[in-house]
Protein backbone atom coordinates (compact mmCIF):
# COMPACT_ATOMS: atom_id res chain seq x y z
CA MET A 1 1.59 19.02 3.50
CA ARG A 2 3.55 16.01 2.26
CA LEU A 3 5.04 15.45 5.71
CA MET A 4 1.69 16.02 7.40
CA ARG A 5 0.05 13.34 5.14
CA ILE A 6 2.87 10.83 5.85
CA VAL A 7 2.71 11.33 9.63
CA PHE A 8 -1.09 11.17 9.61
CA VAL A 9 -1.13 7.84 7.88
CA ALA A 10 1.64 6.50 10.09
CA LEU A 11 -0.22 7.52 13.26
CA LEU A 12 -3.26 5.89 12.04
CA GLY A 13 -1.48 2.65 11.25
CA GLY A 14 -3.07 0.79 14.16
CA GLY A 15 -6.08 3.01 14.55
CA LEU A 16 -9.43 1.61 15.53
CA SER A 17 -12.00 0.84 12.92
CA LEU A 18 -14.50 -1.44 14.41
CA SER A 19 -15.60 -1.89 17.97
CA ALA A 20 -14.46 -5.01 19.72
CA GLY A 21 -17.78 -6.52 19.77
CA ALA A 22 -18.97 -5.48 16.32
CA GLY A 23 -19.70 -8.00 13.54
CA VAL A 24 -17.80 -7.70 10.22
CA GLU A 25 -20.18 -7.69 7.21
CA ILE A 26 -18.28 -8.92 4.20
CA GLN A 27 -19.73 -8.09 0.78
CA HIS A 28 -18.66 -10.34 -2.11
CA TRP A 29 -18.82 -10.21 -5.87
CA SER A 30 -16.72 -10.81 -8.93
CA THR A 31 -15.37 -8.33 -11.45
CA SER A 32 -16.38 -8.49 -15.06
CA GLN A 33 -12.96 -10.11 -15.71
CA GLY A 34 -13.60 -12.83 -13.02
CA ALA A 35 -11.52 -11.65 -10.05
CA ARG A 36 -13.18 -12.33 -6.71
CA VAL A 37 -13.72 -9.21 -4.56
CA TYR A 38 -14.36 -9.02 -0.75
CA PHE A 39 -15.38 -5.67 0.75
CA VAL A 40 -15.90 -4.30 4.33
CA ALA A 41 -17.10 -0.65 4.58
CA SER A 42 -15.72 1.29 7.48
CA ASP A 43 -15.95 5.05 7.77
CA ALA A 44 -14.56 5.37 11.28
CA LEU A 45 -11.19 6.64 9.74
CA PRO A 46 -10.37 8.34 6.47
CA ILE A 47 -8.37 5.34 5.40
CA LEU A 48 -8.52 2.83 2.64
CA ASP A 49 -6.72 -0.56 2.91
CA LEU A 50 -6.69 -3.09 0.08
CA GLN A 51 -4.86 -6.26 -0.74
CA VAL A 52 -4.61 -8.37 -3.88
CA ASP A 53 -3.60 -11.97 -3.39
CA PHE A 54 -2.52 -14.30 -6.11
CA ALA A 55 -2.12 -18.02 -6.22
CA ALA A 56 1.63 -17.34 -6.77
CA GLY A 57 3.28 -18.65 -3.66
CA SER A 58 6.44 -20.78 -3.32
CA ALA A 59 4.49 -24.00 -3.95
CA PHE A 60 4.33 -22.93 -7.54
CA ASP A 61 8.12 -22.56 -8.01
CA PRO A 62 9.33 -24.61 -10.93
CA GLY A 63 11.66 -27.53 -10.16
CA GLY A 64 15.27 -26.40 -9.53
CA LYS A 65 14.21 -22.76 -9.25
CA SER A 66 13.10 -22.43 -5.68
CA SER A 67 12.60 -18.79 -4.62
CA LEU A 68 11.32 -17.71 -8.01
CA ALA A 69 8.00 -16.76 -6.39
CA SER A 70 9.79 -14.92 -3.64
CA LEU A 71 12.08 -12.94 -5.98
CA THR A 72 9.20 -12.12 -8.35
CA ARG A 73 7.31 -10.54 -5.49
CA ARG A 74 10.36 -8.72 -4.15
CA LEU A 75 10.94 -7.11 -7.56
CA LEU A 76 7.39 -6.18 -8.28
CA ASP A 77 7.70 -2.58 -7.12
CA THR A 78 11.37 -1.95 -8.07
CA GLY A 79 10.26 -0.69 -11.44
CA ALA A 80 6.97 -0.12 -13.25
CA GLY A 81 5.87 1.70 -16.32
CA ASN A 82 8.35 4.56 -16.80
CA LEU A 83 9.20 4.67 -13.05
CA ASP A 84 12.31 3.21 -11.42
CA GLU A 85 12.34 2.10 -7.75
CA GLY A 86 13.41 5.58 -6.62
CA ALA A 87 10.63 7.29 -8.33
CA ILE A 88 8.13 4.78 -6.97
CA ALA A 89 9.37 5.44 -3.39
CA ASP A 90 9.26 9.20 -3.92
CA ARG A 91 5.64 9.05 -5.18
CA LEU A 92 4.59 6.93 -2.25
CA ALA A 93 6.16 9.50 0.05
CA ASP A 94 4.46 12.35 -1.77
CA ILE A 95 1.11 10.73 -1.47
CA GLY A 96 1.61 9.54 2.04
CA ALA A 97 0.72 5.96 1.07
CA GLN A 98 2.20 2.69 2.15
CA MET A 99 2.71 -0.53 0.06
CA GLY A 100 3.33 -3.92 1.56
CA GLY A 101 2.67 -7.59 1.09
CA GLY A 102 4.75 -10.66 0.82
CA VAL A 103 4.82 -14.33 -0.26
CA GLY A 104 4.03 -17.64 1.46
CA GLU A 105 3.65 -21.19 0.27
CA ASP A 106 0.18 -20.59 -1.33
CA ARG A 107 -0.08 -16.97 -2.10
CA ALA A 108 1.68 -13.73 -2.97
CA SER A 109 0.12 -10.48 -1.82
CA VAL A 110 0.43 -6.80 -2.64
CA SER A 111 -1.23 -4.34 -0.28
CA LEU A 112 -1.84 -0.55 -0.20
CA ARG A 113 -2.85 1.87 2.59
CA THR A 114 -3.84 5.32 1.67
CA LEU A 115 -5.95 8.23 2.83
CA SER A 116 -9.50 7.87 1.44
CA THR A 117 -9.81 11.55 0.38
CA ASP A 118 -10.27 11.88 -3.36
CA GLU A 119 -6.96 13.27 -4.38
CA GLU A 120 -4.77 11.01 -2.27
CA ARG A 121 -6.82 7.95 -3.03
CA SER A 122 -6.74 8.45 -6.81
CA ALA A 123 -3.02 9.12 -6.79
CA ALA A 124 -2.23 6.07 -4.66
CA LEU A 125 -4.50 3.72 -6.73
CA THR A 126 -2.98 4.97 -10.07
CA LEU A 127 0.52 4.15 -8.69
CA PHE A 128 -0.66 0.78 -7.26
CA GLN A 129 -2.19 -0.21 -10.71
CA THR A 130 0.90 0.77 -12.47
CA ILE A 131 3.00 -1.44 -10.25
CA LEU A 132 0.63 -4.35 -10.53
CA HIS A 133 0.03 -4.02 -14.23
CA HIS A 134 3.28 -2.87 -15.72
CA PRO A 135 6.30 -4.14 -13.68
CA THR A 136 9.52 -3.93 -15.63
CA PHE A 137 11.88 -6.13 -13.58
CA PRO A 138 14.97 -4.12 -14.55
CA SER A 139 17.94 -6.43 -15.31
CA ALA A 140 20.34 -4.60 -13.05
CA VAL A 141 17.90 -4.84 -10.12
CA VAL A 142 17.36 -8.53 -10.87
CA ALA A 143 21.09 -9.13 -10.70
CA ARG A 144 21.43 -7.07 -7.48
CA GLU A 145 18.54 -8.83 -5.69
CA ARG A 146 19.73 -12.22 -6.73
CA LYS A 147 23.14 -11.48 -5.30
CA ARG A 148 21.52 -10.17 -2.12
CA ALA A 149 19.39 -13.24 -1.92
CA VAL A 150 22.47 -15.55 -2.13
CA ALA A 151 24.17 -13.48 0.61
CA ASP A 152 21.10 -13.63 2.86
CA LEU A 153 20.97 -17.46 2.35
CA GLN A 154 24.66 -17.92 3.13
CA GLU A 155 24.30 -15.90 6.31
CA SER A 156 21.10 -17.71 7.45
CA LEU A 157 22.72 -21.16 6.95
CA THR A 158 25.16 -20.36 9.81
CA GLN A 159 22.12 -20.23 12.16
CA PRO A 160 21.02 -23.55 13.77
CA GLY A 161 17.47 -22.38 13.97
CA VAL A 162 17.28 -21.82 10.24
CA ILE A 163 18.99 -25.17 9.55
CA ALA A 164 16.53 -26.91 11.80
CA SER A 165 13.51 -25.26 10.11
CA ARG A 166 14.74 -26.12 6.60
CA ARG A 167 15.50 -29.70 7.49
CA PHE A 168 12.10 -30.07 9.22
CA THR A 169 10.21 -28.72 6.32
CA ALA A 170 12.10 -30.95 3.83
CA SER A 171 11.64 -33.96 6.11
CA ILE A 172 7.87 -33.79 6.68
CA TYR A 173 7.01 -32.82 3.05
CA GLY A 174 9.57 -34.70 0.98
CA ASP A 175 9.10 -34.03 -2.70
CA HIS A 176 5.88 -32.15 -2.20
CA PRO A 177 6.06 -28.46 -3.33
CA TYR A 178 5.75 -27.41 0.41
CA GLY A 179 9.08 -29.29 1.04
CA ALA A 180 11.27 -27.45 -1.51
CA VAL A 181 14.06 -25.33 0.10
CA THR A 182 16.00 -22.56 -1.44
CA THR A 183 19.62 -23.24 -2.39
CA GLU A 184 22.33 -21.05 -3.76
CA ALA A 185 22.09 -22.98 -7.08
CA SER A 186 18.32 -22.38 -7.29
CA ILE A 187 18.78 -18.60 -6.74
CA GLN A 188 21.66 -18.46 -9.32
CA ALA A 189 19.46 -20.25 -11.90
CA LEU A 190 16.88 -17.52 -11.97
CA THR A 191 16.81 -15.16 -14.84
CA ARG A 192 14.82 -12.05 -15.63
CA ASP A 193 12.90 -14.08 -18.23
CA ASP A 194 11.94 -16.58 -15.53
CA ILE A 195 10.59 -13.71 -13.34
CA ALA A 196 8.65 -12.02 -16.09
CA ARG A 197 7.14 -15.41 -17.11
CA PHE A 198 6.15 -16.24 -13.57
CA TYR A 199 4.48 -12.83 -13.30
CA ARG A 200 2.49 -13.37 -16.60
CA GLU A 201 1.44 -16.88 -15.63
CA HIS A 202 0.66 -16.41 -11.98
CA TYR A 203 -0.32 -12.69 -11.35
CA THR A 204 -3.43 -13.21 -13.52
CA VAL A 205 -7.05 -12.06 -13.12
CA GLN A 206 -8.14 -15.64 -12.75
CA ARG A 207 -5.83 -16.23 -9.83
CA ALA A 208 -6.59 -12.95 -8.11
CA SER A 209 -8.60 -12.24 -4.93
CA ILE A 210 -9.15 -8.54 -4.01
CA ALA A 211 -9.88 -7.47 -0.44
CA ILE A 212 -10.99 -3.92 0.22
CA VAL A 213 -11.57 -2.49 3.75
CA GLY A 214 -12.14 1.17 4.71
CA ASP A 215 -13.71 4.49 3.89
CA VAL A 216 -15.33 3.86 0.56
CA ASP A 217 -18.80 2.90 -0.48
CA ARG A 218 -19.86 -0.08 -2.52
CA ALA A 219 -19.84 1.76 -5.85
CA GLN A 220 -16.35 3.06 -5.25
CA ALA A 221 -15.16 -0.36 -4.19
CA GLU A 222 -16.51 -1.81 -7.36
CA SER A 223 -14.79 0.80 -9.48
CA ILE A 224 -11.47 0.17 -7.67
CA ALA A 225 -11.83 -3.63 -8.12
CA GLU A 226 -12.63 -3.26 -11.88
CA ALA A 227 -9.71 -1.03 -12.52
CA ILE A 228 -7.30 -3.39 -10.72
CA ALA A 229 -8.59 -6.50 -12.47
CA ALA A 230 -8.81 -4.94 -15.89
CA GLY A 231 -5.06 -4.48 -16.19
CA LEU A 232 -3.90 -7.81 -14.95
CA PRO A 233 -2.57 -10.56 -17.26
CA GLN A 234 -5.45 -12.66 -18.47
CA GLY A 235 -3.62 -15.97 -18.22
CA VAL A 236 -5.61 -19.17 -18.43
CA ALA A 237 -8.08 -20.73 -16.02
CA GLY A 238 -6.92 -23.42 -13.56
CA GLY A 239 -3.40 -24.38 -12.68
CA ASP A 240 -3.65 -23.09 -9.08
CA ASP A 241 -4.18 -26.47 -7.48
CA ILE A 242 -1.55 -27.81 -5.06
CA PRO A 243 -1.21 -31.62 -4.78
CA PRO A 244 -2.30 -33.43 -1.63
CA VAL A 245 0.29 -33.99 1.06
CA ARG A 246 1.57 -37.55 1.92
CA LEU A 247 2.29 -38.17 5.55
CA PRO A 248 6.00 -39.01 6.26
CA GLU A 249 7.23 -42.07 8.20
CA ALA A 250 8.36 -41.31 11.72
CA ALA A 251 12.06 -40.38 11.79
CA GLN A 252 14.67 -38.87 14.12
CA ILE A 253 17.28 -36.69 12.52
CA ARG A 254 20.36 -35.20 14.09
CA VAL A 255 22.32 -32.47 12.42
CA PRO A 256 25.69 -31.54 14.02
CA HIS A 257 26.35 -27.82 14.69
CA PRO A 258 28.76 -26.17 17.19
CA SER A 259 26.06 -24.21 19.00
CA ALA A 260 25.62 -24.64 22.72
CA GLN A 261 21.90 -24.83 22.41
CA ALA A 262 20.24 -27.63 20.44
CA HIS A 263 17.23 -26.60 18.31
CA VAL A 264 14.53 -29.26 18.44
CA LEU A 265 11.53 -29.42 16.18
CA ILE A 266 8.92 -32.16 16.15
CA GLY A 267 5.93 -32.52 13.91
CA MET A 268 4.20 -33.64 10.77
CA PRO A 269 1.74 -32.21 8.18
CA GLY A 270 -1.32 -31.01 9.96
CA ILE A 271 -4.50 -29.44 8.49
CA LYS A 272 -5.84 -27.56 5.54
CA ARG A 273 -7.23 -24.04 5.90
CA GLU A 274 -10.81 -25.21 5.56
CA ASP A 275 -10.72 -28.44 7.76
CA PRO A 276 -13.61 -29.86 9.96
CA ASP A 277 -11.14 -30.42 12.73
CA TYR A 278 -9.84 -26.78 12.65
CA TYR A 279 -11.47 -25.61 15.86
CA PRO A 280 -10.86 -28.61 18.16
CA LEU A 281 -7.24 -28.75 17.05
CA LEU A 282 -6.75 -24.92 17.41
CA ILE A 283 -8.27 -24.81 20.91
CA GLY A 284 -6.70 -28.00 21.99
CA ASN A 285 -3.32 -26.76 20.84
CA TYR A 286 -3.72 -23.66 23.09
CA VAL A 287 -3.68 -26.16 26.04
CA LEU A 288 -0.94 -28.24 24.63
CA GLY A 289 1.62 -25.58 23.59
CA GLY A 290 0.01 -22.49 22.13
CA GLY A 291 -0.90 -20.81 25.42
CA GLY A 292 2.54 -19.69 26.59
CA PHE A 293 3.21 -20.17 30.19
CA VAL A 294 -0.25 -21.82 30.82
CA SER A 295 0.44 -24.60 28.27
CA ARG A 296 1.32 -28.14 29.25
CA LEU A 297 4.58 -28.17 27.30
CA VAL A 298 5.88 -25.07 29.09
CA LYS A 299 4.87 -26.56 32.46
CA GLU A 300 6.50 -29.90 31.80
CA VAL A 301 9.64 -28.72 29.91
CA ARG A 302 10.32 -25.43 31.65
CA GLU A 303 8.66 -25.15 34.98
CA LYS A 304 9.08 -28.74 36.26
CA ARG A 305 12.52 -29.61 34.73
CA GLY A 306 14.18 -26.39 33.42
CA PHE A 307 15.09 -27.94 30.18
CA ALA A 308 14.22 -24.86 28.07
CA TYR A 309 13.08 -21.25 28.60
CA SER A 310 10.19 -21.92 26.28
CA ALA A 311 8.45 -24.72 24.39
CA TYR A 312 5.57 -24.21 21.91
CA SER A 313 3.35 -25.92 19.42
CA TYR A 314 1.10 -24.68 16.62
CA PHE A 315 -0.93 -25.69 13.54
CA SER A 316 -0.39 -23.57 10.43
CA PRO A 317 -3.28 -24.28 8.12
CA GLN A 318 -2.60 -24.00 4.39
CA GLN A 319 -4.28 -24.81 1.13
CA GLU A 320 -3.07 -28.30 1.63
CA ALA A 321 -1.94 -29.68 5.02
CA GLY A 322 0.25 -27.13 6.73
CA PRO A 323 2.60 -28.16 9.41
CA PHE A 324 1.92 -29.15 13.04
CA ARG A 325 5.06 -28.13 14.83
CA ILE A 326 6.47 -28.46 18.36
CA GLY A 327 9.71 -26.48 19.07
CA LEU A 328 12.15 -25.78 21.89
CA GLN A 329 15.82 -25.06 22.46
CA THR A 330 17.83 -26.94 25.14
CA LYS A 331 21.47 -27.85 26.04
CA GLY A 332 22.99 -30.51 23.96
CA SER A 333 23.47 -32.71 26.99
CA GLN A 334 19.70 -32.57 27.77
CA VAL A 335 18.37 -33.27 24.32
CA GLN A 336 17.17 -36.85 24.86
CA GLU A 337 15.66 -36.05 28.20
CA ALA A 338 13.75 -33.12 26.75
CA LEU A 339 12.52 -35.22 23.78
CA ASP A 340 11.29 -37.83 26.17
CA VAL A 341 9.33 -35.29 28.12
CA VAL A 342 7.78 -33.82 25.02
CA ASP A 343 6.89 -37.37 23.78
CA ARG A 344 5.19 -38.22 27.06
CA THR A 345 3.33 -34.92 27.21
CA LEU A 346 2.09 -35.22 23.71
CA ARG A 347 1.01 -38.82 23.98
CA ASP A 348 -0.82 -38.09 27.28
CA PHE A 349 -2.61 -35.23 25.58
CA ILE A 350 -3.49 -37.34 22.55
CA GLU A 351 -4.88 -40.05 24.82
CA GLN A 352 -6.66 -37.98 27.38
CA GLY A 353 -7.23 -34.58 25.80
CA PRO A 354 -7.50 -31.45 28.00
CA THR A 355 -9.33 -31.28 31.30
CA GLU A 356 -12.60 -29.47 31.49
CA GLU A 357 -10.89 -26.62 33.35
CA GLU A 358 -8.12 -26.38 30.71
CA LEU A 359 -10.66 -26.34 27.97
CA ALA A 360 -12.81 -23.77 29.59
CA ALA A 361 -9.86 -21.52 30.08
CA ALA A 362 -8.80 -21.89 26.44
CA ARG A 363 -12.30 -21.15 25.18
CA ASP A 364 -12.57 -18.05 27.38
CA TYR A 365 -9.26 -16.70 26.40
CA THR A 366 -9.99 -17.13 22.66
CA ILE A 367 -13.52 -15.79 22.70
CA ASN A 368 -12.76 -12.82 25.04
CA GLY A 369 -9.75 -11.82 23.07
CA PHE A 370 -11.29 -12.28 19.63
CA GLY A 371 -12.52 -8.70 19.40
CA LEU A 372 -8.89 -7.42 19.67
CA ARG A 373 -8.21 -9.28 16.37
CA LEU A 374 -10.73 -6.99 14.61
CA ASP A 375 -9.90 -3.61 16.21
CA SER A 376 -8.15 -1.99 13.19
CA ASN A 377 -8.71 -1.78 9.41
CA ARG A 378 -5.45 -3.53 8.89
CA LYS A 379 -6.38 -6.54 11.05
CA VAL A 380 -9.74 -6.76 9.47
CA LEU A 381 -8.04 -6.65 6.05
CA GLY A 382 -5.79 -9.62 7.02
CA TYR A 383 -8.86 -11.75 7.94
CA VAL A 384 -10.83 -10.60 4.86
CA SER A 385 -8.06 -11.33 2.40
CA MET A 386 -7.58 -14.78 3.97
CA ILE A 387 -11.23 -15.55 3.81
CA GLY A 388 -11.31 -14.39 0.17
CA PHE A 389 -8.20 -16.30 -1.01
CA TYR A 390 -9.16 -19.56 0.67
CA ARG A 391 -12.83 -19.19 -0.28
CA LEU A 392 -14.05 -19.52 3.29
CA PRO A 393 -17.65 -18.74 4.33
CA LEU A 394 -18.43 -15.04 4.46
CA ASP A 395 -19.56 -15.40 8.01
CA TRP A 396 -16.35 -17.15 9.06
CA LEU A 397 -15.59 -14.28 11.57
CA ASP A 398 -19.03 -14.71 13.18
CA GLN A 399 -18.75 -18.49 13.21
CA TYR A 400 -15.39 -18.43 14.88
CA PRO A 401 -16.42 -17.57 18.50
CA ARG A 402 -19.58 -19.73 18.24
CA GLN A 403 -17.62 -22.76 17.10
CA VAL A 404 -15.08 -22.29 19.83
CA ALA A 405 -17.74 -21.91 22.50
CA GLU A 406 -19.39 -25.26 21.60
CA LEU A 407 -16.26 -27.34 21.77
CA SER A 408 -16.13 -30.28 24.19
CA VAL A 409 -13.22 -32.29 25.70
CA ALA A 410 -14.34 -35.35 23.67
CA GLN A 411 -14.20 -33.33 20.37
CA VAL A 412 -10.66 -32.15 21.10
CA ARG A 413 -9.47 -35.52 22.22
CA ASP A 414 -11.00 -37.26 19.14
CA ALA A 415 -9.44 -34.66 16.79
CA PHE A 416 -5.95 -35.12 18.27
CA ARG A 417 -6.23 -38.90 18.23
CA ARG A 418 -7.03 -38.80 14.51
CA ARG A 419 -4.77 -36.09 13.29
CA VAL A 420 -1.56 -36.15 15.36
CA LEU A 421 -0.09 -39.58 14.76
CA PRO A 422 3.08 -40.76 16.45
CA GLN A 423 3.87 -43.08 13.45
CA HIS A 424 4.16 -40.01 11.29
CA LEU A 425 5.98 -37.59 13.65
CA VAL A 426 9.45 -36.42 12.55
CA SER A 427 11.96 -35.12 15.11
CA VAL A 428 14.89 -32.78 14.01
CA VAL A 429 17.67 -31.82 16.36
CA VAL A 430 20.37 -29.27 15.19
CA GLY A 431 23.32 -28.29 17.24
CA GLY A 432 24.07 -28.58 20.98
CA ASP A 433 27.57 -29.87 20.03
CA GLY A 434 29.04 -26.72 21.67
CA ASP A 435 27.67 -27.91 25.03
CA THR A 436 31.01 -29.69 25.69
CA ALA A 437 30.98 -29.63 29.43
CA HIS A 438 28.29 -32.33 29.69
CA ALA A 439 28.09 -33.48 26.04
CA ALA A 440 27.09 -36.98 25.38
CA ALA A 441 26.96 -39.03 22.25
CA PRO A 442 23.63 -38.73 20.41
CA PRO A 443 21.29 -41.66 20.76
CA ALA A 444 21.82 -44.51 18.34
CA ALA A 445 18.30 -44.00 16.99
CA MET A 446 19.23 -40.56 15.67
CA GLN A 447 20.85 -40.00 12.35
């Protein structure tokens, strides 16, 4: 029976829950302790998905202790109550439940997927609450994971793509919390007391948002949310604000590395999660660099000139302005030519915007494919948790295709002119020094 439950949940991992054209009705309330709750009922499958998000992302790392948020989340389910990590894994296997989650700049998340039948649901929720309410952060596991984090960092710093991403982040955000990068020293500085304190101060009921999707009714969802919230640290109200982002001065940065391919990143801070320019920038970016082989960057960089296999761009909205980023890889000898092509393509797009045909294709692709973003409980949970954490309108999923359908070329062009500013764009080039056959000295403007 244990094996059957595990296989059943695994097979249903991507199962359909809502028809592609169906609306998603999000019910919202707060628990008696003050945690926000967002609930979508779906009885198409005997599955319950839930996620608890906390304002406990890397932006809340103390100075000199970058990766504290990450390590806290990683250690959360390595010991809880009287259970060690082996016992937790065994219980999850016995129940046939799955735990997940992660940590980003703004939030840390803990998720659970379980069968919705009474016995399995009750057992899974009991274990989930034990992990959330009573983590023990065993000293031996802290030492092991700290050592592993150092080894992972050392290995990653041999990769030019990682180096480029870290340098880009630090360059566009400076001393803002979004710009902090993990170092070996910052990992080694972390103690068990730091982790336990971070948990008590950030995994609190006031900083929690609970998303529930699946085969339970409103009364059951309320009971689940109350039980989760009741055992969380109380903490104090406030403290979850992230300071505004300052735009950087334009810069070109070159970092030597013996790779044959140069990793190129260009960009600046972009938009917040709830931003009036979200839709014109999102759909405009599909034309610029988000649409794969139909995007302008791919046509100019790859198809016409063969400088790179791929080129892309994206906006990543966050609580404060997340990054706008253009990326590609090219031979070291072609770096400046590729940069020039990207610069011309971007400036032309800012000045002229998309054509009517390009915008129509982007709108159609986004609207026609939107239902596929909501075709499983797990996908719906991702959106509901995002809506809840960032306090977006409850009808955000209904607004999305309507807002996209109404966009005009003028709106897209206007948004890009105001929000993507050449005087604030930072270019980072890492590597390409192994392309010795045609290597040339880097341009004098780069440093």
